[in-house]
């Protein structure tokens, strides 16, 4: 997906993307750090627990990757 195809309504925070797609926030952040999805600076609004939401992600990109996402089974220790 090209960045020029994104609209402001397509940008969401990790917790919003998790609610809409079922993909854990940690996976969304990992995809962004690996360059699979784009991340954008957020507006820094407060989350209510002393932290601010700082990063937004492109929801269409997350939905595209969510089609092939398979959660890993926890390892036995």
PDB file of N, CA and C in Angstrom:
ATOM      1  N   UNK A   1       0.841  -1.173   0.000  1.00  0.00           N
ATOM      2  CA  UNK A   1       0.000   0.000   0.000  1.00  0.00           C
ATOM      3  C   UNK A   1       0.887   1.237   0.000  1.00  0.00           C
ATOM      4  N   UNK A   2       0.533   2.191  -0.814  1.00  0.00           N
ATOM      5  CA  UNK A   2       1.258   3.452  -0.874  1.00  0.00           C
ATOM      6  C   UNK A   2       0.724   4.394   0.200  1.00  0.00           C
ATOM      7  N   UNK A   3       1.598   5.195   0.758  1.00  0.00           N
ATOM      8  CA  UNK A   3       1.186   6.129   1.805  1.00  0.00           C
ATOM      9  C   UNK A   3       0.172   7.135   1.274  1.00  0.00           C
ATOM     10  N   UNK A   4       0.263   7.491   0.014  1.00  0.00           N
ATOM     11  CA  UNK A   4      -0.669   8.476  -0.544  1.00  0.00           C
ATOM     12  C   UNK A   4      -2.098   7.936  -0.597  1.00  0.00           C
ATOM     13  N   UNK A   5      -2.285   6.636  -0.431  1.00  0.00           N
ATOM     14  CA  UNK A   5      -3.620   6.047  -0.458  1.00  0.00           C
ATOM     15  C   UNK A   5      -4.298   6.083   0.905  1.00  0.00           C
ATOM     16  N   UNK A   6      -3.606   6.551   1.936  1.00  0.00           N
ATOM     17  CA  UNK A   6      -4.161   6.577   3.281  1.00  0.00           C
ATOM     18  C   UNK A   6      -4.909   7.880   3.544  1.00  0.00           C
ATOM     19  N   UNK A   7      -5.984   7.778   4.306  1.00  0.00           N
ATOM     20  CA  UNK A   7      -6.742   8.931   4.759  1.00  0.00           C
ATOM     21  C   UNK A   7      -6.566   9.050   6.268  1.00  0.00           C
ATOM     22  N   UNK A   8      -6.799  10.221   6.839  1.00  0.00           N
ATOM     23  CA  UNK A   8      -6.652  10.357   8.296  1.00  0.00           C
ATOM     24  C   UNK A   8      -7.495   9.354   9.082  1.00  0.00           C
ATOM     25  N   UNK A   9      -8.636   8.961   8.565  1.00  0.00           N
ATOM     26  CA  UNK A   9      -9.486   7.997   9.273  1.00  0.00           C
ATOM     27  C   UNK A   9      -8.870   6.594   9.280  1.00  0.00           C
ATOM     28  N   UNK A  10      -7.873   6.354   8.418  1.00  0.00           N
ATOM     29  CA  UNK A  10      -7.204   5.054   8.361  1.00  0.00           C
ATOM     30  C   UNK A  10      -6.140   4.897   9.438  1.00  0.00           C
ATOM     31  N   UNK A  11      -5.771   5.983  10.105  1.00  0.00           N
ATOM     32  CA  UNK A  11      -4.726   5.924  11.123  1.00  0.00           C
ATOM     33  C   UNK A  11      -5.352   5.673  12.489  1.00  0.00           C
ATOM     34  N   UNK A  12      -4.878   4.634  13.173  1.00  0.00           N
ATOM     35  CA  UNK A  12      -5.421   4.258  14.477  1.00  0.00           C
ATOM     36  C   UNK A  12      -4.273   3.956  15.438  1.00  0.00           C
ATOM     37  N   UNK A  13      -4.583   3.996  16.719  1.00  0.00           N
ATOM     38  CA  UNK A  13      -3.610   3.607  17.737  1.00  0.00           C
ATOM     39  C   UNK A  13      -3.618   2.089  17.863  1.00  0.00           C
ATOM     40  N   UNK A  14      -2.587   1.550  18.493  1.00  0.00           N
ATOM     41  CA  UNK A  14      -2.434   0.093  18.581  1.00  0.00           C
ATOM     42  C   UNK A  14      -3.622  -0.560  19.277  1.00  0.00           C
ATOM     43  N   UNK A  15      -4.137   0.060  20.348  1.00  0.00           N
ATOM     44  CA  UNK A  15      -5.256  -0.557  21.061  1.00  0.00           C
ATOM     45  C   UNK A  15      -6.530  -0.556  20.217  1.00  0.00           C
ATOM     46  N   UNK A  16      -6.705   0.459  19.383  1.00  0.00           N
ATOM     47  CA  UNK A  16      -7.864   0.498  18.492  1.00  0.00           C
ATOM     48  C   UNK A  16      -7.734  -0.548  17.388  1.00  0.00           C
ATOM     49  N   UNK A  17      -6.524  -0.708  16.864  1.00  0.00           N
ATOM     50  CA  UNK A  17      -6.293  -1.721  15.831  1.00  0.00           C
ATOM     51  C   UNK A  17      -6.507  -3.116  16.400  1.00  0.00           C
ATOM     52  N   UNK A  18      -6.084  -3.331  17.642  1.00  0.00           N
ATOM     53  CA  UNK A  18      -6.288  -4.634  18.277  1.00  0.00           C
ATOM     54  C   UNK A  18      -7.778  -4.933  18.429  1.00  0.00           C
ATOM     55  N   UNK A  19      -8.553  -3.931  18.816  1.00  0.00           N
ATOM     56  CA  UNK A  19      -9.991  -4.124  18.983  1.00  0.00           C
ATOM     57  C   UNK A  19     -10.677  -4.446  17.655  1.00  0.00           C
ATOM     58  N   UNK A  20     -10.200  -3.858  16.566  1.00  0.00           N
ATOM     59  CA  UNK A  20     -10.840  -4.060  15.268  1.00  0.00           C
ATOM     60  C   UNK A  20     -10.373  -5.312  14.539  1.00  0.00           C
ATOM     61  N   UNK A  21      -9.132  -5.740  14.792  1.00  0.00           N
ATOM     62  CA  UNK A  21      -8.584  -6.863  14.026  1.00  0.00           C
ATOM     63  C   UNK A  21      -8.320  -8.113  14.853  1.00  0.00           C
ATOM     64  N   UNK A  22      -8.175  -7.965  16.168  1.00  0.00           N
ATOM     65  CA  UNK A  22      -7.843  -9.109  17.009  1.00  0.00           C
ATOM     66  C   UNK A  22      -6.355  -9.410  17.067  1.00  0.00           C
ATOM     67  N   UNK A  23      -5.536  -8.615  16.409  1.00  0.00           N
ATOM     68  CA  UNK A  23      -4.084  -8.796  16.432  1.00  0.00           C
ATOM     69  C   UNK A  23      -3.545  -8.119  17.690  1.00  0.00           C
ATOM     70  N   UNK A  24      -2.747  -8.806  18.508  1.00  0.00           N
ATOM     71  CA  UNK A  24      -2.212  -8.190  19.731  1.00  0.00           C
ATOM     72  C   UNK A  24      -1.365  -6.950  19.426  1.00  0.00           C
ATOM     73  N   UNK A  25      -1.394  -6.001  20.362  1.00  0.00           N
ATOM     74  CA  UNK A  25      -0.644  -4.761  20.189  1.00  0.00           C
ATOM     75  C   UNK A  25       0.846  -5.022  20.025  1.00  0.00           C
ATOM     76  N   UNK A  26       1.368  -5.995  20.734  1.00  0.00           N
ATOM     77  CA  UNK A  26       2.801  -6.287  20.634  1.00  0.00           C
ATOM     78  C   UNK A  26       3.172  -6.730  19.221  1.00  0.00           C
ATOM     79  N   UNK A  27       2.282  -7.466  18.568  1.00  0.00           N
ATOM     80  CA  UNK A  27       2.537  -7.914  17.194  1.00  0.00           C
ATOM     81  C   UNK A  27       2.484  -6.718  16.239  1.00  0.00           C
ATOM     82  N   UNK A  28       1.538  -5.825  16.456  1.00  0.00           N
ATOM     83  CA  UNK A  28       1.420  -4.629  15.614  1.00  0.00           C
ATOM     84  C   UNK A  28       2.685  -3.785  15.730  1.00  0.00           C
ATOM     85  N   UNK A  29       3.169  -3.585  16.956  1.00  0.00           N
ATOM     86  CA  UNK A  29       4.399  -2.811  17.145  1.00  0.00           C
ATOM     87  C   UNK A  29       5.594  -3.520  16.511  1.00  0.00           C
ATOM     88  N   UNK A  30       5.643  -4.842  16.592  1.00  0.00           N
ATOM     89  CA  UNK A  30       6.748  -5.604  15.995  1.00  0.00           C
ATOM     90  C   UNK A  30       6.719  -5.472  14.470  1.00  0.00           C
ATOM     91  N   UNK A  31       5.524  -5.561  13.866  1.00  0.00           N
ATOM     92  CA  UNK A  31       5.408  -5.384  12.419  1.00  0.00           C
ATOM     93  C   UNK A  31       5.936  -4.015  12.008  1.00  0.00           C
ATOM     94  N   UNK A  32       5.608  -2.979  12.791  1.00  0.00           N
ATOM     95  CA  UNK A  32       6.069  -1.628  12.469  1.00  0.00           C
ATOM     96  C   UNK A  32       7.585  -1.525  12.592  1.00  0.00           C
ATOM     97  N   UNK A  33       8.150  -2.142  13.621  1.00  0.00           N
ATOM     98  CA  UNK A  33       9.605  -2.057  13.794  1.00  0.00           C
ATOM     99  C   UNK A  33      10.339  -2.820  12.694  1.00  0.00           C
ATOM    100  N   UNK A  34       9.707  -3.832  12.139  1.00  0.00           N
ATOM    101  CA  UNK A  34      10.312  -4.607  11.052  1.00  0.00           C
ATOM    102  C   UNK A  34      10.016  -4.023   9.674  1.00  0.00           C
ATOM    103  N   UNK A  35       9.221  -2.963   9.624  1.00  0.00           N
ATOM    104  CA  UNK A  35       8.949  -2.296   8.356  1.00  0.00           C
ATOM    105  C   UNK A  35       7.823  -2.912   7.550  1.00  0.00           C
ATOM    106  N   UNK A  36       7.048  -3.807   8.142  1.00  0.00           N
ATOM    107  CA  UNK A  36       5.934  -4.419   7.404  1.00  0.00           C
ATOM    108  C   UNK A  36       4.747  -3.468   7.283  1.00  0.00           C
ATOM    109  N   UNK A  37       4.590  -2.572   8.263  1.00  0.00           N
ATOM    110  CA  UNK A  37       3.536  -1.562   8.220  1.00  0.00           C
ATOM    111  C   UNK A  37       4.163  -0.212   8.546  1.00  0.00           C
ATOM    112  N   UNK A  38       3.482   0.847   8.174  1.00  0.00           N
ATOM    113  CA  UNK A  38       3.966   2.195   8.456  1.00  0.00           C
ATOM    114  C   UNK A  38       3.475   2.635   9.829  1.00  0.00           C
ATOM    115  N   UNK A  39       4.273   3.439  10.504  1.00  0.00           N
ATOM    116  CA  UNK A  39       3.847   4.056  11.754  1.00  0.00           C
ATOM    117  C   UNK A  39       3.975   5.566  11.603  1.00  0.00           C
ATOM    118  N   UNK A  40       3.124   6.283  12.325  1.00  0.00           N
ATOM    119  CA  UNK A  40       3.053   7.732  12.221  1.00  0.00           C
ATOM    120  C   UNK A  40       2.981   8.321  13.620  1.00  0.00           C
ATOM    121  N   UNK A  41       3.464   9.560  13.806  1.00  0.00           N
ATOM    122  CA  UNK A  41       3.368  10.179  15.133  1.00  0.00           C
ATOM    123  C   UNK A  41       1.912  10.459  15.482  1.00  0.00           C
ATOM    124  N   UNK A  42       1.544  10.169  16.723  1.00  0.00           N
ATOM    125  CA  UNK A  42       0.183  10.423  17.186  1.00  0.00           C
ATOM    126  C   UNK A  42       0.066  11.821  17.766  1.00  0.00           C
ATOM    127  N   UNK A  43      -1.080  12.100  18.382  1.00  0.00           N
ATOM    128  CA  UNK A  43      -1.306  13.432  18.943  1.00  0.00           C
ATOM    129  C   UNK A  43      -0.940  13.507  20.421  1.00  0.00           C
ATOM    130  N   UNK A  44      -0.528  12.401  21.036  1.00  0.00           N
ATOM    131  CA  UNK A  44      -0.085  12.411  22.425  1.00  0.00           C
ATOM    132  C   UNK A  44      -1.188  12.532  23.449  1.00  0.00           C
ATOM    133  N   UNK A  45      -2.429  12.217  23.079  1.00  0.00           N
ATOM    134  CA  UNK A  45      -3.514  12.304  24.057  1.00  0.00           C
ATOM    135  C   UNK A  45      -3.287  11.286  25.164  1.00  0.00           C
ATOM    136  N   UNK A  46      -3.800  11.591  26.343  1.00  0.00           N
ATOM    137  CA  UNK A  46      -3.573  10.731  27.496  1.00  0.00           C
ATOM    138  C   UNK A  46      -4.442   9.487  27.431  1.00  0.00           C
ATOM    139  N   UNK A  47      -3.886   8.376  27.900  1.00  0.00           N
ATOM    140  CA  UNK A  47      -4.603   7.105  27.859  1.00  0.00           C
ATOM    141  C   UNK A  47      -5.417   6.873  29.119  1.00  0.00           C
ATOM    142  N   UNK A  48      -5.186   7.665  30.158  1.00  0.00           N
ATOM    143  CA  UNK A  48      -5.926   7.493  31.398  1.00  0.00           C
ATOM    144  C   UNK A  48      -5.126   6.781  32.470  1.00  0.00           C
ATOM    145  N   UNK A  49      -4.008   6.193  32.121  1.00  0.00           N
ATOM    146  CA  UNK A  49      -3.178   5.515  33.119  1.00  0.00           C
ATOM    147  C   UNK A  49      -1.795   6.158  33.212  1.00  0.00           C
ATOM    148  N   UNK A  50      -1.704   7.424  32.866  1.00  0.00           N
ATOM    149  CA  UNK A  50      -0.448   8.147  32.994  1.00  0.00           C
ATOM    150  C   UNK A  50       0.438   8.113  31.773  1.00  0.00           C
ATOM    151  N   UNK A  51       0.023   7.446  30.734  1.00  0.00           N
ATOM    152  CA  UNK A  51       0.813   7.373  29.510  1.00  0.00           C
ATOM    153  C   UNK A  51       0.050   8.041  28.372  1.00  0.00           C
ATOM    154  N   UNK A  52       0.771   8.444  27.364  1.00  0.00           N
ATOM    155  CA  UNK A  52       0.137   9.028  26.192  1.00  0.00           C
ATOM    156  C   UNK A  52       0.224   8.092  25.005  1.00  0.00           C
ATOM    157  N   UNK A  53      -0.752   8.196  24.119  1.00  0.00           N
ATOM    158  CA  UNK A  53      -0.702   7.432  22.881  1.00  0.00           C
ATOM    159  C   UNK A  53       0.206   8.193  21.925  1.00  0.00           C
ATOM    160  N   UNK A  54       1.311   7.600  21.532  1.00  0.00           N
ATOM    161  CA  UNK A  54       2.305   8.335  20.764  1.00  0.00           C
ATOM    162  C   UNK A  54       2.419   7.895  19.313  1.00  0.00           C
ATOM    163  N   UNK A  55       1.985   6.701  18.989  1.00  0.00           N
ATOM    164  CA  UNK A  55       2.203   6.183  17.640  1.00  0.00           C
ATOM    165  C   UNK A  55       0.890   5.709  17.038  1.00  0.00           C
ATOM    166  N   UNK A  56       0.683   6.063  15.782  1.00  0.00           N
ATOM    167  CA  UNK A  56      -0.492   5.604  15.053  1.00  0.00           C
ATOM    168  C   UNK A  56      -0.025   4.674  13.940  1.00  0.00           C
ATOM    169  N   UNK A  57      -0.918   3.782  13.547  1.00  0.00           N
ATOM    170  CA  UNK A  57      -0.594   2.789  12.528  1.00  0.00           C
ATOM    171  C   UNK A  57      -1.663   2.821  11.448  1.00  0.00           C
ATOM    172  N   UNK A  58      -1.314   2.366  10.260  1.00  0.00           N
ATOM    173  CA  UNK A  58      -2.235   2.343   9.124  1.00  0.00           C
ATOM    174  C   UNK A  58      -3.112   1.091   9.216  1.00  0.00           C
ATOM    175  N   UNK A  59      -4.383   1.280   9.508  1.00  0.00           N
ATOM    176  CA  UNK A  59      -5.305   0.158   9.686  1.00  0.00           C
ATOM    177  C   UNK A  59      -5.438  -0.716   8.439  1.00  0.00           C
ATOM    178  N   UNK A  60      -5.494  -0.166   7.217  1.00  0.00           N
ATOM    179  CA  UNK A  60      -5.589  -1.045   6.040  1.00  0.00           C
ATOM    180  C   UNK A  60      -4.406  -2.005   5.922  1.00  0.00           C
ATOM    181  N   UNK A  61      -3.204  -1.547   6.289  1.00  0.00           N
ATOM    182  CA  UNK A  61      -2.035  -2.425   6.243  1.00  0.00           C
ATOM    183  C   UNK A  61      -2.141  -3.532   7.283  1.00  0.00           C
ATOM    184  N   UNK A  62      -2.641  -3.192   8.458  1.00  0.00           N
ATOM    185  CA  UNK A  62      -2.795  -4.191   9.521  1.00  0.00           C
ATOM    186  C   UNK A  62      -3.834  -5.226   9.116  1.00  0.00           C
ATOM    187  N   UNK A  63      -4.937  -4.770   8.535  1.00  0.00           N
ATOM    188  CA  UNK A  63      -5.978  -5.706   8.096  1.00  0.00           C
ATOM    189  C   UNK A  63      -5.458  -6.647   7.016  1.00  0.00           C
ATOM    190  N   UNK A  64      -4.604  -6.145   6.142  1.00  0.00           N
ATOM    191  CA  UNK A  64      -4.036  -6.984   5.086  1.00  0.00           C
ATOM    192  C   UNK A  64      -3.140  -8.071   5.682  1.00  0.00           C
ATOM    193  N   UNK A  65      -2.286  -7.703   6.636  1.00  0.00           N
ATOM    194  CA  UNK A  65      -1.414  -8.690   7.277  1.00  0.00           C
ATOM    195  C   UNK A  65      -2.197  -9.622   8.204  1.00  0.00           C
ATOM    196  N   UNK A  66      -3.317  -9.139   8.741  1.00  0.00           N
ATOM    197  CA  UNK A  66      -4.116  -9.956   9.654  1.00  0.00           C
ATOM    198  C   UNK A  66      -4.695 -11.183   8.955  1.00  0.00           C
ATOM    199  N   UNK A  67      -4.850 -11.114   7.650  1.00  0.00           N
ATOM    200  CA  UNK A  67      -5.400 -12.254   6.907  1.00  0.00           C
ATOM    201  C   UNK A  67      -4.501 -13.479   7.009  1.00  0.00           C
ATOM    202  N   UNK A  68      -3.205 -13.263   7.116  1.00  0.00           N
ATOM    203  CA  UNK A  68      -2.258 -14.382   7.160  1.00  0.00           C
ATOM    204  C   UNK A  68      -1.668 -14.597   8.549  1.00  0.00           C
ATOM    205  N   UNK A  69      -2.117 -13.827   9.543  1.00  0.00           N
ATOM    206  CA  UNK A  69      -1.571 -13.942  10.899  1.00  0.00           C
ATOM    207  C   UNK A  69      -2.050 -15.221  11.569  1.00  0.00           C
ATOM    208  N   UNK A  70      -1.104 -15.936  12.141  1.00  0.00           N
ATOM    209  CA  UNK A  70      -1.433 -17.135  12.920  1.00  0.00           C
ATOM    210  C   UNK A  70      -0.718 -17.025  14.259  1.00  0.00           C
ATOM    211  N   UNK A  71      -1.473 -16.995  15.354  1.00  0.00           N
ATOM    212  CA  UNK A  71      -0.817 -16.862  16.660  1.00  0.00           C
ATOM    213  C   UNK A  71       0.045 -18.077  16.969  1.00  0.00           C
ATOM    214  N   UNK A  72       1.152 -17.831  17.625  1.00  0.00           N
ATOM    215  CA  UNK A  72       2.061 -18.917  18.001  1.00  0.00           C
ATOM    216  C   UNK A  72       1.554 -19.586  19.266  1.00  0.00           C
ATOM    217  N   UNK A  73       1.755 -20.868  19.337  1.00  0.00           N
ATOM    218  CA  UNK A  73       1.388 -21.614  20.533  1.00  0.00           C
ATOM    219  C   UNK A  73       2.438 -21.370  21.614  1.00  0.00           C
ATOM    220  N   UNK A  74       2.016 -21.229  22.867  1.00  0.00           N
ATOM    221  CA  UNK A  74       3.010 -21.059  23.929  1.00  0.00           C
ATOM    222  C   UNK A  74       3.871 -22.307  24.067  1.00  0.00           C
ATOM    223  N   UNK A  75       5.130 -22.094  24.352  1.00  0.00           N
ATOM    224  CA  UNK A  75       6.056 -23.218  24.501  1.00  0.00           C
ATOM    225  C   UNK A  75       5.903 -23.851  25.876  1.00  0.00           C
ATOM    226  N   UNK A  76       6.043 -25.152  25.919  1.00  0.00           N
ATOM    227  CA  UNK A  76       6.048 -25.850  27.201  1.00  0.00           C
ATOM    228  C   UNK A  76       7.426 -25.701  27.816  1.00  0.00           C
ATOM    229  N   UNK A  77       7.451 -25.428  29.081  1.00  0.00           N
ATOM    230  CA  UNK A  77       8.748 -25.281  29.759  1.00  0.00           C
ATOM    231  C   UNK A  77       8.863 -26.267  30.873  1.00  0.00           C
TER     232      UNK A  77
END
